[in-house]
Amino acid sequence: MLANDTSVGVGHAPLSRLERLVLAVEKRINARDRARQNPAWGEDVKVMGVRHGEAVNLTIACAMIGRHLAHIDDYLAEKDAVAELGRGLAIEHGFATCDVVVNAADKPAAGSVYLTVTGTSHRRQSRQAAESAARAAAERRGVTRLAAHFTTVHAMSSHPLNVMSQFLK
């Protein structure tokens, strides 16, 4: 077993159907064309799956890149897209039911979301940097009024749900 403060890795072969699903979700989110098709999705992705019979629960942590999100609604739409991807892959992997939670520690009403400068957890944005990036993106799109929903970024490592398995490439 290998672990650090936010990740744990365990090896076993052959992979179970659930393990293949978790790996497929991470690989699809971090696909080669990610930056072109989903520029707001960062490369810091962790996926945890729990199977109950033929049902599966997925918890996905996906760093979002602030400069690609002009408003909190954009952030929530990207989270929905990640969740839909997970549900679709679960069906492809033969699971009848799939519940997906993306960025479980988010509290959008309080302005706390998983927003980063680079898409990795190594460099988190301050409130000012997040607001500045959001305003710049809004100005490029011709948006004149921007709600200040990008306030603080939670530290994923402080949340108990962040102990997620991460498959190494």
Protein backbone atom coordinates (compact mmCIF):
# COMPACT_ATOMS: atom_id res chain seq x y z
CA MET A 1 0.00 0.00 0.00
CA LEU A 2 1.19 3.50 -0.89
CA ALA A 3 -0.36 6.64 0.65
CA ASN A 4 0.16 10.34 1.20
CA ASP A 5 -2.10 13.00 2.71
CA THR A 6 -4.79 12.86 0.02
CA SER A 7 -4.36 9.67 -1.96
CA VAL A 8 -4.06 5.97 -1.42
CA GLY A 9 -3.07 3.37 -3.97
CA VAL A 10 -3.53 -0.39 -3.77
CA GLY A 11 -2.56 -2.99 -6.34
CA HIS A 12 -4.41 -6.16 -7.35
CA ALA A 13 -4.81 -8.05 -10.61
CA PRO A 14 -6.90 -8.62 -12.56
CA LEU A 15 -8.93 -5.45 -12.17
CA SER A 16 -12.54 -5.84 -11.08
CA ARG A 17 -15.38 -4.28 -13.09
CA LEU A 18 -15.52 -1.44 -10.53
CA GLU A 19 -11.77 -0.84 -10.76
CA ARG A 20 -12.01 -0.75 -14.56
CA LEU A 21 -14.81 1.81 -14.25
CA VAL A 22 -12.85 4.04 -11.85
CA LEU A 23 -9.82 3.90 -14.13
CA ALA A 24 -11.97 4.64 -17.21
CA VAL A 25 -13.51 7.70 -15.54
CA GLU A 26 -10.10 9.13 -14.64
CA LYS A 27 -8.69 8.41 -18.10
CA ARG A 28 -11.70 9.97 -19.87
CA ILE A 29 -11.56 13.12 -17.76
CA ASN A 30 -7.82 13.42 -18.41
CA ALA A 31 -8.08 12.40 -22.07
CA ARG A 32 -5.66 13.87 -24.58
CA ASP A 33 -8.31 16.26 -25.93
CA ARG A 34 -9.43 17.46 -22.44
CA ALA A 35 -7.90 20.91 -22.82
CA ARG A 36 -9.73 21.45 -26.13
CA GLN A 37 -13.11 19.86 -25.32
CA ASN A 38 -13.34 20.70 -21.59
CA PRO A 39 -10.84 23.46 -20.86
CA ALA A 40 -12.24 24.13 -17.38
CA TRP A 41 -11.39 20.59 -16.20
CA GLY A 42 -8.03 20.46 -14.48
CA GLU A 43 -5.69 17.50 -14.54
CA ASP A 44 -5.87 16.92 -10.77
CA VAL A 45 -8.50 14.17 -10.77
CA LYS A 46 -9.28 11.58 -8.12
CA VAL A 47 -12.02 8.98 -8.40
CA MET A 48 -13.40 6.72 -5.70
CA GLY A 49 -15.93 3.99 -6.42
CA VAL A 50 -18.02 1.90 -4.04
CA ARG A 51 -20.12 -1.00 -5.32
CA HIS A 52 -23.32 -2.26 -3.69
CA GLY A 53 -24.46 -5.25 -5.74
CA GLU A 54 -25.17 -3.87 -9.21
CA ALA A 55 -25.24 -0.25 -8.04
CA VAL A 56 -22.18 1.96 -7.81
CA ASN A 57 -21.40 5.26 -6.08
CA LEU A 58 -18.68 7.42 -7.59
CA THR A 59 -17.02 10.34 -5.81
CA ILE A 60 -14.97 12.43 -8.22
CA ALA A 61 -12.63 15.28 -7.33
CA CYS A 62 -11.91 17.36 -10.42
CA ALA A 63 -10.04 20.64 -10.06
CA MET A 64 -11.65 23.39 -12.14
CA ILE A 65 -9.61 26.13 -13.80
CA GLY A 66 -10.94 29.55 -12.87
CA ARG A 67 -10.03 31.45 -16.04
CA HIS A 68 -12.47 29.24 -18.03
CA LEU A 69 -15.44 29.92 -15.74
CA ALA A 70 -17.10 33.35 -15.82
CA HIS A 71 -19.82 32.57 -13.27
CA ILE A 72 -20.73 30.05 -10.60
CA ASP A 73 -23.34 28.65 -13.01
CA ASP A 74 -20.52 27.77 -15.42
CA TYR A 75 -18.75 25.92 -12.60
CA LEU A 76 -21.91 24.00 -11.71
CA ALA A 77 -22.49 23.10 -15.38
CA GLU A 78 -18.97 21.67 -15.61
CA LYS A 79 -19.58 19.62 -12.45
CA ASP A 80 -22.79 18.29 -14.02
CA ALA A 81 -20.85 17.34 -17.18
CA VAL A 82 -18.29 15.40 -15.10
CA ALA A 83 -21.11 13.62 -13.24
CA GLU A 84 -22.87 12.73 -16.51
CA LEU A 85 -19.61 11.31 -17.87
CA GLY A 86 -19.30 9.11 -14.78
CA ARG A 87 -22.91 7.88 -15.07
CA GLY A 88 -22.46 7.10 -18.77
CA LEU A 89 -19.29 5.12 -18.17
CA ALA A 90 -20.96 3.22 -15.33
CA ILE A 91 -23.69 2.08 -17.72
CA GLU A 92 -21.03 1.09 -20.29
CA HIS A 93 -19.35 -1.00 -17.57
CA GLY A 94 -22.59 -2.84 -16.79
CA PHE A 95 -23.78 -1.10 -13.63
CA ALA A 96 -27.55 -0.68 -13.42
CA THR A 97 -27.48 2.29 -11.06
CA CYS A 98 -24.86 4.96 -10.48
CA ASP A 99 -24.87 7.90 -8.10
CA VAL A 100 -22.13 10.47 -8.71
CA VAL A 101 -20.87 13.25 -6.45
CA VAL A 102 -18.38 15.71 -7.93
CA ASN A 103 -16.20 17.86 -5.66
CA ALA A 104 -17.99 16.65 -2.55
CA ALA A 105 -16.68 19.37 -0.25
CA ASP A 106 -18.11 22.20 -2.37
CA LYS A 107 -20.50 24.63 -0.74
CA PRO A 108 -21.56 26.83 -3.67
CA ALA A 109 -24.04 28.86 -1.59
CA ALA A 110 -21.14 29.83 0.68
CA GLY A 111 -18.84 30.48 -2.29
CA SER A 112 -16.56 27.52 -1.57
CA VAL A 113 -15.71 25.53 -4.69
CA TYR A 114 -12.75 23.54 -6.05
CA LEU A 115 -11.34 26.33 -8.21
CA THR A 116 -7.66 26.52 -9.13
CA VAL A 117 -5.30 28.59 -11.27
CA THR A 118 -3.64 25.71 -13.11
CA GLY A 119 -5.98 22.73 -12.67
CA THR A 120 -3.77 21.05 -10.11
CA SER A 121 -4.01 21.18 -6.35
CA HIS A 122 -0.41 22.36 -6.10
CA ARG A 123 -1.37 25.97 -6.59
CA ARG A 124 -4.74 27.03 -5.22
CA GLN A 125 -6.21 30.44 -5.91
CA SER A 126 -6.74 33.11 -3.35
CA ARG A 127 -10.08 34.88 -3.33
CA GLN A 128 -8.59 37.84 -5.18
CA ALA A 129 -6.95 35.67 -7.85
CA ALA A 130 -10.16 33.70 -8.40
CA GLU A 131 -12.24 36.87 -8.73
CA SER A 132 -9.66 38.46 -11.02
CA ALA A 133 -9.56 35.39 -13.29
CA ALA A 134 -13.36 35.21 -13.39
CA ARG A 135 -13.67 38.92 -14.23
CA ALA A 136 -11.06 38.65 -16.99
CA ALA A 137 -12.89 35.66 -18.50
CA ALA A 138 -16.21 37.53 -18.26
CA GLU A 139 -14.76 40.61 -19.96
CA ARG A 140 -13.46 38.46 -22.82
CA ARG A 141 -17.03 37.15 -23.26
CA GLY A 142 -18.57 40.62 -23.06
CA VAL A 143 -20.20 40.04 -19.67
CA THR A 144 -20.52 43.35 -17.84
CA ARG A 145 -21.90 42.18 -14.48
CA LEU A 146 -20.36 39.27 -12.64
CA ALA A 147 -21.69 37.93 -9.38
CA ALA A 148 -18.86 37.51 -6.88
CA HIS A 149 -19.48 33.84 -6.18
CA PHE A 150 -15.83 32.88 -6.49
CA THR A 151 -14.76 33.59 -2.96
CA THR A 152 -12.76 30.93 -1.22
CA VAL A 153 -11.40 27.62 -2.35
CA HIS A 154 -11.67 24.78 0.10
CA ALA A 155 -8.61 22.72 0.89
CA MET A 156 -9.48 19.25 -0.35
CA SER A 157 -7.06 17.59 2.03
CA SER A 158 -9.05 18.91 5.00
CA HIS A 159 -12.20 17.09 3.94
CA PRO A 160 -12.67 13.45 5.03
CA LEU A 161 -14.18 12.51 1.65
CA ASN A 162 -10.90 13.32 -0.06
CA VAL A 163 -9.32 9.97 0.82
CA MET A 164 -9.85 8.68 -2.72
CA SER A 165 -7.99 6.11 -4.68
CA GLN A 166 -5.92 7.51 -7.50
CA PHE A 167 -4.69 5.28 -10.28
CA LEU A 168 -1.27 6.14 -11.57
CA LYS A 169 -0.77 6.22 -15.30
